[in-house]
Amino acid sequence: MNADSGEFDIELTDMQIKKKKNFTRHWEIGFGGSIVCRASVYKNSVYVTSVDHNVYAVDAETGEEIWRFRANDALISDVVPTEDILYTASYDYNIYALKRGNGELLWAFRTDGAIFGTPFIYGELLCCGSSDGYVYLLERQTGKLLWRFRTGNGVDSTSIIFEGRVFVGSMDSYFYCIDIESGEEVWRFKTGGEILVRAPPTIYENTVFFSSMDSFLYALDIETGKEIWRFKTGKYGMSAMPVIYKNAIYAGSRDGDLFRLTMQGKEVWRFHTDGPLIYSLAIENDIIYFGSEDGNLYVIDGNGKELWRFKTEGAVWAPPVFKGNTMFFTSRDCRVYAVNIKTKELEWKFTTSTTQQSYIPPPYESWEAEIAINKDSIEQQDLDDKYISNLNLAALDSEYTQSEYETKSEYASESEYS
């Protein structure tokens, strides 16, 4: 501050968005009939979970309810169908196996925390993480525990099993590679934020792709965990896994943008929606389908041009699935929609036990705007104590909140966050 004029002459660079607290929005969803999972279609049935504690089986032709199964708390996970068994997980700490024909409970495996991600099925194995900080590997037919692997915080993401290894991200900011036989860590990679994605990581040609709440999309060498490249998607984190289609990468961000990238992580184009978040997408016959928190299901072509959209009364968190000319998708307005992709007309909609939409906090409450200040100019000024006390100099030293989980590993990959 200039002592004579009483005015600031500190150099202000620009406005920055900073994380001010850990991301907990997904654990603060209130009761209601909202559906935030991806619909699953198997043979002639559509399966969904709901925050109203129910798993539903719906006739794919008519939209009529076939059966429902009630858990003890909200269900956010997708339903994973097999020939005889359906698998899902709940905030009531349980992984569930249900008889596909009638929803009868076959077994339940209880963890020590609520479950946000979706079980991943690989042959006779089931892998699932829990907010208790563990990744669990079970026998899928019996629910018998084979091993569990501990991370430094909740495992709120979905895992994938590939070539004898489990790949999964944790809220401790690390992405892990685990040996499927021993349950031992192979390598880990540290990002600058929590990893929270309900879709499994994407693996393509010896590269694993995943996103982090530090707003980056990462590409790592699948064998070593070494970073190949990263791409910055915005300011409010990233919680969507990319889709690779015809030698291009498509990924949505929490800023409301859908990106097309080259396989080298270079932007080709971006499409901006009217809402804050895009979680995931599906591609069918060269056409891209994705939902947004603005309540729309968007349909665009490979050049990023909008073709049409379908409006619901709530956020569309999950991409559609397809059966013939019909796409099935869910909305936080408590409904499952069946829409003909040729005529763009609604075929039917199914409503859960209540039309009360589940409360969810604002999408960006974990972030705040902060003025970036040139620290050198501060040190050169003769500032009064009252002005110095208002400057959070510590916050200027690092863009990211440090993880409390600082255990070292001989396999830990080098990155700017380590």
Protein backbone atom coordinates (compact mmCIF):
# COMPACT_ATOMS: atom_id res chain seq x y z
CA MET A 1 0.00 0.00 0.00
CA ASN A 2 1.24 3.49 -0.80
CA ALA A 3 1.52 5.23 2.59
CA ASP A 4 0.94 8.67 1.11
CA SER A 5 -2.03 7.92 -1.07
CA GLY A 6 -3.63 5.22 1.05
CA GLU A 7 -4.23 3.14 -2.09
CA PHE A 8 -3.20 -0.38 -3.04
CA ASP A 9 -0.64 -0.76 -5.78
CA ILE A 10 -0.31 -4.56 -5.42
CA GLU A 11 -0.32 -6.32 -8.78
CA LEU A 12 -3.51 -8.37 -9.13
CA THR A 13 -3.13 -10.99 -11.84
CA ASP A 14 -6.46 -12.81 -12.27
CA MET A 15 -9.25 -14.61 -10.49
CA GLN A 16 -8.53 -18.23 -9.58
CA ILE A 17 -10.81 -21.01 -8.44
CA LYS A 18 -9.53 -22.89 -5.39
CA LYS A 19 -10.70 -26.00 -3.56
CA LYS A 20 -11.65 -24.90 -0.06
CA LYS A 21 -12.66 -28.28 1.39
CA ASN A 22 -12.83 -31.97 0.59
CA PHE A 23 -15.47 -33.01 -1.89
CA THR A 24 -18.43 -34.61 -0.08
CA ARG A 25 -21.40 -33.70 -2.28
CA HIS A 26 -22.21 -37.31 -3.14
CA TRP A 27 -22.65 -38.20 0.54
CA GLU A 28 -25.11 -35.38 1.20
CA ILE A 29 -27.91 -36.56 -1.11
CA GLY A 30 -31.26 -36.47 0.69
CA PHE A 31 -34.10 -38.99 0.49
CA GLY A 32 -36.32 -39.00 -2.58
CA GLY A 33 -37.15 -40.95 -5.70
CA SER A 34 -34.29 -39.63 -7.80
CA ILE A 35 -32.37 -41.94 -10.09
CA VAL A 36 -28.73 -41.07 -10.71
CA CYS A 37 -27.48 -44.47 -11.89
CA ARG A 38 -27.12 -45.64 -15.45
CA ALA A 39 -29.96 -47.86 -16.65
CA SER A 40 -28.96 -51.46 -17.40
CA VAL A 41 -30.75 -53.41 -20.14
CA TYR A 42 -30.60 -57.18 -20.23
CA LYS A 43 -32.84 -59.19 -22.55
CA ASN A 44 -36.28 -57.57 -22.14
CA SER A 45 -35.79 -55.82 -18.81
CA VAL A 46 -34.42 -52.48 -17.66
CA TYR A 47 -32.77 -52.37 -14.22
CA VAL A 48 -32.18 -49.24 -12.16
CA THR A 49 -31.46 -48.23 -8.58
CA SER A 50 -32.94 -45.23 -6.77
CA VAL A 51 -32.25 -43.00 -3.81
CA ASP A 52 -35.63 -44.26 -2.48
CA HIS A 53 -33.73 -47.44 -1.39
CA ASN A 54 -35.16 -49.63 -4.19
CA VAL A 55 -33.79 -51.67 -7.05
CA TYR A 56 -36.33 -51.81 -9.90
CA ALA A 57 -36.88 -54.21 -12.77
CA VAL A 58 -38.98 -52.66 -15.56
CA ASP A 59 -40.34 -54.19 -18.75
CA ALA A 60 -38.32 -52.73 -21.64
CA GLU A 61 -41.30 -52.74 -24.02
CA THR A 62 -44.02 -51.28 -21.80
CA GLY A 63 -42.30 -49.52 -18.89
CA GLU A 64 -44.32 -51.55 -16.39
CA GLU A 65 -42.71 -52.55 -13.11
CA ILE A 66 -41.81 -56.25 -12.86
CA TRP A 67 -40.43 -56.30 -9.34
CA ARG A 68 -38.53 -54.23 -6.80
CA PHE A 69 -36.02 -55.00 -4.05
CA ARG A 70 -35.66 -52.72 -1.05
CA ALA A 71 -32.29 -52.06 0.57
CA ASN A 72 -31.73 -50.21 3.84
CA ASP A 73 -30.48 -46.93 2.37
CA ALA A 74 -29.99 -45.05 -0.88
CA LEU A 75 -28.73 -46.83 -3.97
CA ILE A 76 -26.54 -44.85 -6.36
CA SER A 77 -24.63 -47.72 -7.97
CA ASP A 78 -25.55 -49.11 -11.37
CA VAL A 79 -27.07 -52.57 -11.61
CA VAL A 80 -24.69 -55.06 -13.24
CA PRO A 81 -26.70 -57.86 -14.88
CA THR A 82 -25.52 -61.37 -15.69
CA GLU A 83 -27.47 -64.39 -16.94
CA ASP A 84 -28.69 -65.36 -13.50
CA ILE A 85 -27.63 -62.68 -11.00
CA LEU A 86 -27.81 -58.90 -10.67
CA TYR A 87 -25.19 -57.02 -8.67
CA THR A 88 -25.34 -53.57 -7.10
CA ALA A 89 -24.30 -51.76 -3.91
CA SER A 90 -25.82 -49.33 -1.43
CA TYR A 91 -25.21 -46.58 1.07
CA ASP A 92 -26.25 -49.18 3.66
CA TYR A 93 -22.68 -50.58 3.37
CA ASN A 94 -23.73 -53.70 1.44
CA ILE A 95 -22.87 -55.25 -1.91
CA TYR A 96 -25.94 -57.14 -3.11
CA ALA A 97 -26.48 -60.17 -5.34
CA LEU A 98 -30.10 -60.58 -6.47
CA LYS A 99 -31.84 -63.26 -8.51
CA ARG A 100 -32.41 -61.66 -11.90
CA GLY A 101 -35.85 -63.15 -12.46
CA ASN A 102 -37.59 -61.95 -9.29
CA GLY A 103 -35.19 -59.77 -7.28
CA GLU A 104 -34.78 -62.33 -4.50
CA LEU A 105 -31.72 -61.70 -2.31
CA LEU A 106 -29.05 -64.33 -2.87
CA TRP A 107 -26.34 -62.83 -0.70
CA ALA A 108 -25.12 -59.54 0.76
CA PHE A 109 -21.54 -58.66 1.67
CA ARG A 110 -21.23 -55.93 4.28
CA THR A 111 -18.32 -53.50 4.20
CA ASP A 112 -17.61 -50.86 6.85
CA GLY A 113 -18.74 -47.90 4.76
CA ALA A 114 -21.30 -46.61 2.30
CA ILE A 115 -20.76 -47.55 -1.35
CA PHE A 116 -21.00 -45.04 -4.19
CA GLY A 117 -19.25 -46.90 -7.01
CA THR A 118 -20.51 -49.88 -8.97
CA PRO A 119 -19.33 -53.50 -8.57
CA PHE A 120 -17.17 -54.69 -11.47
CA ILE A 121 -17.66 -58.26 -12.65
CA TYR A 122 -14.83 -60.21 -14.28
CA GLY A 123 -15.50 -63.90 -14.84
CA GLU A 124 -16.25 -65.36 -11.43
CA LEU A 125 -14.82 -62.36 -9.59
CA LEU A 126 -16.43 -59.20 -8.24
CA CYS A 127 -14.44 -56.10 -7.34
CA CYS A 128 -15.88 -53.11 -5.46
CA GLY A 129 -14.62 -50.23 -3.36
CA SER A 130 -16.17 -48.74 -0.24
CA SER A 131 -15.99 -45.45 1.63
CA ASP A 132 -14.29 -47.43 4.41
CA GLY A 133 -11.11 -47.07 2.33
CA TYR A 134 -10.88 -50.65 1.05
CA VAL A 135 -11.06 -52.31 -2.34
CA TYR A 136 -12.75 -55.73 -2.01
CA LEU A 137 -12.36 -58.78 -4.24
CA LEU A 138 -15.14 -61.37 -3.84
CA GLU A 139 -16.31 -64.59 -5.44
CA ARG A 140 -19.33 -63.35 -7.41
CA GLN A 141 -21.44 -66.47 -6.92
CA THR A 142 -21.07 -66.69 -3.14
CA GLY A 143 -19.90 -63.27 -1.92
CA LYS A 144 -16.88 -64.90 -0.25
CA LEU A 145 -14.06 -62.43 0.47
CA LEU A 146 -10.79 -63.23 -1.34
CA TRP A 147 -8.84 -60.15 -0.25
CA ARG A 148 -9.17 -56.47 0.57
CA PHE A 149 -6.71 -53.70 -0.20
CA ARG A 150 -6.46 -50.58 1.94
CA THR A 151 -6.08 -47.08 0.50
CA GLY A 152 -5.73 -43.82 2.40
CA ASN A 153 -9.35 -42.69 2.10
CA GLY A 154 -12.70 -43.77 0.73
CA VAL A 155 -12.81 -45.73 -2.50
CA ASP A 156 -15.84 -44.02 -4.03
CA SER A 157 -14.94 -44.90 -7.62
CA THR A 158 -15.60 -47.96 -9.75
CA SER A 159 -12.67 -50.27 -10.47
CA ILE A 160 -11.73 -52.30 -13.53
CA ILE A 161 -9.97 -55.67 -13.80
CA PHE A 162 -7.59 -56.02 -16.73
CA GLU A 163 -4.91 -58.63 -17.45
CA GLY A 164 -4.53 -59.79 -13.88
CA ARG A 165 -4.64 -56.38 -12.23
CA VAL A 166 -7.20 -54.12 -10.59
CA PHE A 167 -7.13 -50.42 -11.47
CA VAL A 168 -9.01 -47.95 -9.26
CA GLY A 169 -8.86 -44.42 -7.88
CA SER A 170 -9.34 -43.31 -4.29
CA MET A 171 -10.41 -40.18 -2.47
CA ASP A 172 -6.85 -40.07 -1.12
CA SER A 173 -5.90 -38.66 -4.58
CA TYR A 174 -4.01 -41.79 -5.66
CA PHE A 175 -4.73 -44.05 -8.60
CA TYR A 176 -3.81 -47.66 -7.80
CA CYS A 177 -2.73 -50.75 -9.71
CA ILE A 178 -3.23 -53.93 -7.62
CA ASP A 179 -2.21 -57.51 -8.38
CA ILE A 180 -5.38 -59.58 -8.58
CA GLU A 181 -3.81 -62.76 -7.20
CA SER A 182 -2.12 -61.36 -4.12
CA GLY A 183 -4.03 -58.13 -3.49
CA GLU A 184 -0.67 -56.35 -3.30
CA GLU A 185 0.07 -52.93 -4.74
CA VAL A 186 1.93 -52.91 -8.06
CA TRP A 187 2.13 -49.12 -8.42
CA ARG A 188 0.30 -45.96 -7.49
CA PHE A 189 0.11 -42.51 -9.07
CA LYS A 190 -0.66 -39.31 -7.15
CA THR A 191 -2.95 -36.63 -8.57
CA GLY A 192 -3.84 -33.25 -7.13
CA GLY A 193 -7.37 -34.08 -5.99
CA GLU A 194 -9.84 -36.76 -5.00
CA ILE A 195 -10.66 -39.43 -7.57
CA LEU A 196 -14.42 -39.89 -7.69
CA VAL A 197 -15.82 -41.60 -10.80
CA ARG A 198 -18.69 -44.09 -10.96
CA ALA A 199 -17.59 -45.44 -14.35
CA PRO A 200 -14.56 -47.76 -14.49
CA PRO A 201 -11.23 -46.44 -15.80
CA THR A 202 -10.71 -46.60 -19.56
CA ILE A 203 -7.95 -48.86 -20.90
CA TYR A 204 -6.71 -48.68 -24.47
CA GLU A 205 -3.47 -49.90 -26.06
CA ASN A 206 -1.37 -50.19 -22.90
CA THR A 207 -2.67 -46.88 -21.53
CA VAL A 208 -5.08 -46.31 -18.67
CA PHE A 209 -7.14 -43.12 -18.67
CA PHE A 210 -8.88 -41.61 -15.65
CA SER A 211 -9.93 -38.26 -14.23
CA SER A 212 -9.41 -36.44 -10.93
CA MET A 213 -11.00 -33.64 -8.96
CA ASP A 214 -7.87 -31.61 -9.73
CA SER A 215 -9.60 -31.04 -13.13
CA PHE A 216 -7.16 -33.13 -15.15
CA LEU A 217 -7.70 -36.10 -17.41
CA TYR A 218 -4.67 -38.41 -17.10
CA ALA A 219 -3.09 -40.97 -19.40
CA LEU A 220 -0.67 -43.38 -17.70
CA ASP A 221 1.46 -46.27 -18.89
CA ILE A 222 -0.45 -49.33 -17.71
CA GLU A 223 2.69 -51.29 -16.80
CA THR A 224 4.66 -48.66 -14.91
CA GLY A 225 2.13 -46.04 -13.85
CA LYS A 226 4.25 -43.32 -15.42
CA GLU A 227 2.41 -40.29 -16.73
CA ILE A 228 2.19 -40.00 -20.53
CA TRP A 229 0.13 -36.80 -20.62
CA ARG A 230 -2.55 -34.84 -18.80
CA PHE A 231 -5.26 -32.51 -20.07
CA LYS A 232 -6.86 -29.68 -18.07
CA THR A 233 -10.65 -29.66 -18.46
CA GLY A 234 -11.73 -26.69 -16.36
CA LYS A 235 -11.75 -25.31 -12.82
CA TYR A 236 -14.30 -27.38 -10.91
CA GLY A 237 -12.85 -30.87 -10.99
CA MET A 238 -13.48 -33.83 -13.24
CA SER A 239 -15.58 -36.86 -12.34
CA ALA A 240 -16.20 -38.52 -15.70
CA MET A 241 -14.27 -41.27 -17.43
CA PRO A 242 -13.43 -40.78 -21.10
CA VAL A 243 -14.82 -42.83 -23.97
CA ILE A 244 -12.49 -43.78 -26.81
CA TYR A 245 -14.12 -44.10 -30.22
CA LYS A 246 -12.47 -44.30 -33.63
CA ASN A 247 -9.09 -43.05 -32.47
CA ALA A 248 -10.48 -40.08 -30.56
CA ILE A 249 -11.11 -39.39 -26.86
CA TYR A 250 -14.40 -37.91 -25.65
CA ALA A 251 -14.74 -36.69 -22.07
CA GLY A 252 -17.10 -34.48 -20.08
CA SER A 253 -16.16 -32.05 -17.32
CA ARG A 254 -17.79 -30.56 -14.25
CA ASP A 255 -17.67 -27.16 -15.98
CA GLY A 256 -20.36 -28.33 -18.42
CA ASP A 257 -18.06 -28.95 -21.38
CA LEU A 258 -17.74 -32.03 -23.54
CA PHE A 259 -14.27 -32.38 -25.10
CA ARG A 260 -12.99 -34.24 -28.11
CA LEU A 261 -9.25 -34.91 -27.85
CA THR A 262 -6.64 -36.60 -29.97
CA MET A 263 -5.06 -39.75 -28.57
CA GLN A 264 -2.12 -37.52 -27.60
CA GLY A 265 -4.35 -35.40 -25.34
CA LYS A 266 -4.75 -32.38 -27.64
CA GLU A 267 -8.11 -30.61 -27.85
CA VAL A 268 -10.00 -30.86 -31.15
CA TRP A 269 -13.23 -29.18 -30.04
CA ARG A 270 -15.45 -28.62 -27.04
CA PHE A 271 -19.23 -28.44 -26.70
CA HIS A 272 -20.70 -26.35 -23.89
CA THR A 273 -24.04 -27.20 -22.24
CA ASP A 274 -26.39 -24.99 -20.24
CA GLY A 275 -25.66 -26.85 -17.03
CA PRO A 276 -22.67 -27.21 -14.74
CA LEU A 277 -21.83 -30.90 -15.01
CA ILE A 278 -21.37 -33.68 -17.54
CA TYR A 279 -20.64 -37.05 -15.98
CA SER A 280 -20.40 -39.53 -18.81
CA LEU A 281 -21.41 -40.25 -22.39
CA ALA A 282 -22.30 -42.98 -24.85
CA ILE A 283 -21.56 -43.23 -28.55
CA GLU A 284 -23.87 -45.12 -30.91
CA ASN A 285 -23.40 -45.21 -34.69
CA ASP A 286 -21.08 -42.17 -34.66
CA ILE A 287 -23.58 -40.12 -32.61
CA ILE A 288 -22.69 -38.89 -29.11
CA TYR A 289 -25.30 -38.98 -26.33
CA PHE A 290 -24.79 -37.47 -22.88
CA GLY A 291 -26.71 -35.90 -20.03
CA SER A 292 -26.12 -32.69 -18.11
CA GLU A 293 -27.15 -31.30 -14.78
CA ASP A 294 -29.26 -28.81 -16.75
CA GLY A 295 -31.81 -31.63 -17.22
CA ASN A 296 -31.12 -32.31 -20.89
CA LEU A 297 -30.07 -35.42 -22.72
CA TYR A 298 -27.92 -34.04 -25.55
CA VAL A 299 -27.36 -35.61 -28.95
CA ILE A 300 -24.45 -34.27 -31.04
CA ASP A 301 -22.40 -35.45 -34.01
CA GLY A 302 -18.69 -36.19 -34.21
CA ASN A 303 -17.93 -32.58 -35.12
CA GLY A 304 -19.53 -31.24 -31.94
CA LYS A 305 -22.72 -30.00 -33.63
CA GLU A 306 -25.93 -30.42 -31.68
CA LEU A 307 -28.54 -32.53 -33.46
CA TRP A 308 -31.30 -32.50 -30.85
CA ARG A 309 -31.93 -32.73 -27.13
CA PHE A 310 -34.54 -34.24 -24.82
CA LYS A 311 -35.57 -32.26 -21.74
CA THR A 312 -36.37 -33.82 -18.36
CA GLU A 313 -37.30 -32.18 -15.07
CA GLY A 314 -34.10 -33.08 -13.26
CA ALA A 315 -30.37 -33.54 -13.72
CA VAL A 316 -29.32 -36.32 -16.08
CA TRP A 317 -26.24 -37.81 -14.46
CA ALA A 318 -25.78 -40.98 -16.50
CA PRO A 319 -25.54 -41.70 -20.24
CA PRO A 320 -28.19 -43.74 -22.07
CA VAL A 321 -28.10 -47.38 -23.07
CA PHE A 322 -29.62 -48.72 -26.28
CA LYS A 323 -31.82 -51.57 -27.46
CA GLY A 324 -32.75 -51.34 -31.13
CA ASN A 325 -33.97 -47.82 -31.85
CA THR A 326 -34.78 -47.12 -28.21
CA MET A 327 -32.50 -45.39 -25.74
CA PHE A 328 -33.10 -45.74 -22.02
CA PHE A 329 -31.83 -43.15 -19.56
CA THR A 330 -32.53 -41.89 -16.07
CA SER A 331 -33.09 -38.50 -14.45
CA ARG A 332 -33.02 -37.03 -10.99
CA ASP A 333 -36.71 -36.22 -11.63
CA CYS A 334 -37.39 -39.81 -10.40
CA ARG A 335 -38.00 -41.31 -13.84
CA VAL A 336 -36.63 -43.74 -16.37
CA TYR A 337 -37.17 -42.61 -19.97
CA ALA A 338 -37.48 -44.71 -23.13
CA VAL A 339 -37.05 -42.50 -26.21
CA ASN A 340 -37.01 -43.53 -29.86
CA ILE A 341 -33.78 -42.19 -31.37
CA LYS A 342 -35.26 -42.13 -34.88
CA THR A 343 -38.49 -40.24 -34.14
CA LYS A 344 -37.15 -38.48 -31.00
CA GLU A 345 -40.47 -39.31 -29.33
CA LEU A 346 -41.07 -40.64 -25.84
CA GLU A 347 -42.14 -44.29 -25.83
CA TRP A 348 -42.72 -44.53 -22.08
CA LYS A 349 -41.48 -43.28 -18.74
CA PHE A 350 -41.36 -45.08 -15.42
CA THR A 351 -41.63 -43.28 -12.08
CA THR A 352 -40.15 -44.54 -8.82
CA SER A 353 -42.01 -44.76 -5.49
CA THR A 354 -42.04 -40.98 -4.99
CA THR A 355 -41.71 -37.96 -7.26
CA GLN A 356 -39.94 -36.04 -4.50
CA GLN A 357 -36.54 -35.21 -5.96
CA SER A 358 -33.63 -35.97 -3.69
CA TYR A 359 -31.85 -32.93 -2.31
CA ILE A 360 -28.26 -32.49 -3.36
CA PRO A 361 -25.96 -29.58 -2.42
CA PRO A 362 -24.81 -27.02 -5.02
CA PRO A 363 -22.27 -28.50 -7.44
CA TYR A 364 -19.43 -26.09 -6.71
CA GLU A 365 -19.66 -25.60 -2.96
CA SER A 366 -16.20 -27.13 -2.46
CA TRP A 367 -14.64 -24.33 -4.52
CA GLU A 368 -14.33 -20.59 -4.09
CA ALA A 369 -13.10 -17.70 -6.20
CA GLU A 370 -9.78 -16.23 -5.10
CA ILE A 371 -7.87 -13.23 -6.41
CA ALA A 372 -4.39 -14.22 -7.52
CA ILE A 373 -1.84 -11.78 -6.09
CA ASN A 374 1.74 -11.25 -7.18
CA LYS A 375 3.65 -12.33 -4.05
CA ASP A 376 6.83 -10.49 -5.09
CA SER A 377 4.96 -7.21 -5.12
CA ILE A 378 3.61 -7.92 -1.63
CA GLU A 379 7.08 -8.52 -0.24
CA GLN A 380 8.25 -5.24 -1.72
CA GLN A 381 5.44 -3.22 -0.15
CA ASP A 382 5.33 -1.74 3.32
CA LEU A 383 1.91 -3.18 4.23
CA ASP A 384 0.02 -2.47 7.42
CA ASP A 385 -0.60 -5.50 9.65
CA LYS A 386 -4.34 -5.26 9.06
CA TYR A 387 -3.85 -5.77 5.33
CA ILE A 388 -1.31 -8.55 5.77
CA SER A 389 -3.71 -10.44 8.02
CA ASN A 390 -6.27 -10.50 5.23
CA LEU A 391 -3.94 -12.19 2.75
CA ASN A 392 -3.85 -15.98 2.83
CA LEU A 393 -0.24 -16.34 1.72
CA ALA A 394 -0.17 -20.07 2.52
CA ALA A 395 -2.93 -20.67 0.01
CA LEU A 396 -0.76 -19.11 -2.69
CA ASP A 397 2.01 -21.66 -2.23
CA SER A 398 0.11 -24.61 -3.71
CA GLU A 399 -2.82 -25.00 -6.05
CA TYR A 400 -3.89 -28.24 -4.46
CA THR A 401 -4.86 -29.43 -1.01
CA GLN A 402 -2.34 -31.96 0.25
CA SER A 403 -3.51 -35.50 0.99
CA GLU A 404 -3.27 -36.74 4.55
CA TYR A 405 -2.22 -40.12 3.16
CA GLU A 406 1.51 -39.70 2.62
CA THR A 407 2.66 -43.31 2.89
CA LYS A 408 5.60 -43.86 0.55
CA SER A 409 5.81 -46.75 -1.89
CA GLU A 410 8.69 -48.02 -3.96
CA TYR A 411 6.21 -48.14 -6.83
CA ALA A 412 5.01 -44.56 -6.42
CA SER A 413 5.15 -42.68 -9.70
CA GLU A 414 6.81 -39.32 -9.97
CA SER A 415 4.56 -36.34 -10.54
CA GLU A 416 4.44 -32.70 -9.56
CA TYR A 417 2.10 -33.66 -6.69
CA SER A 418 4.38 -36.20 -5.03
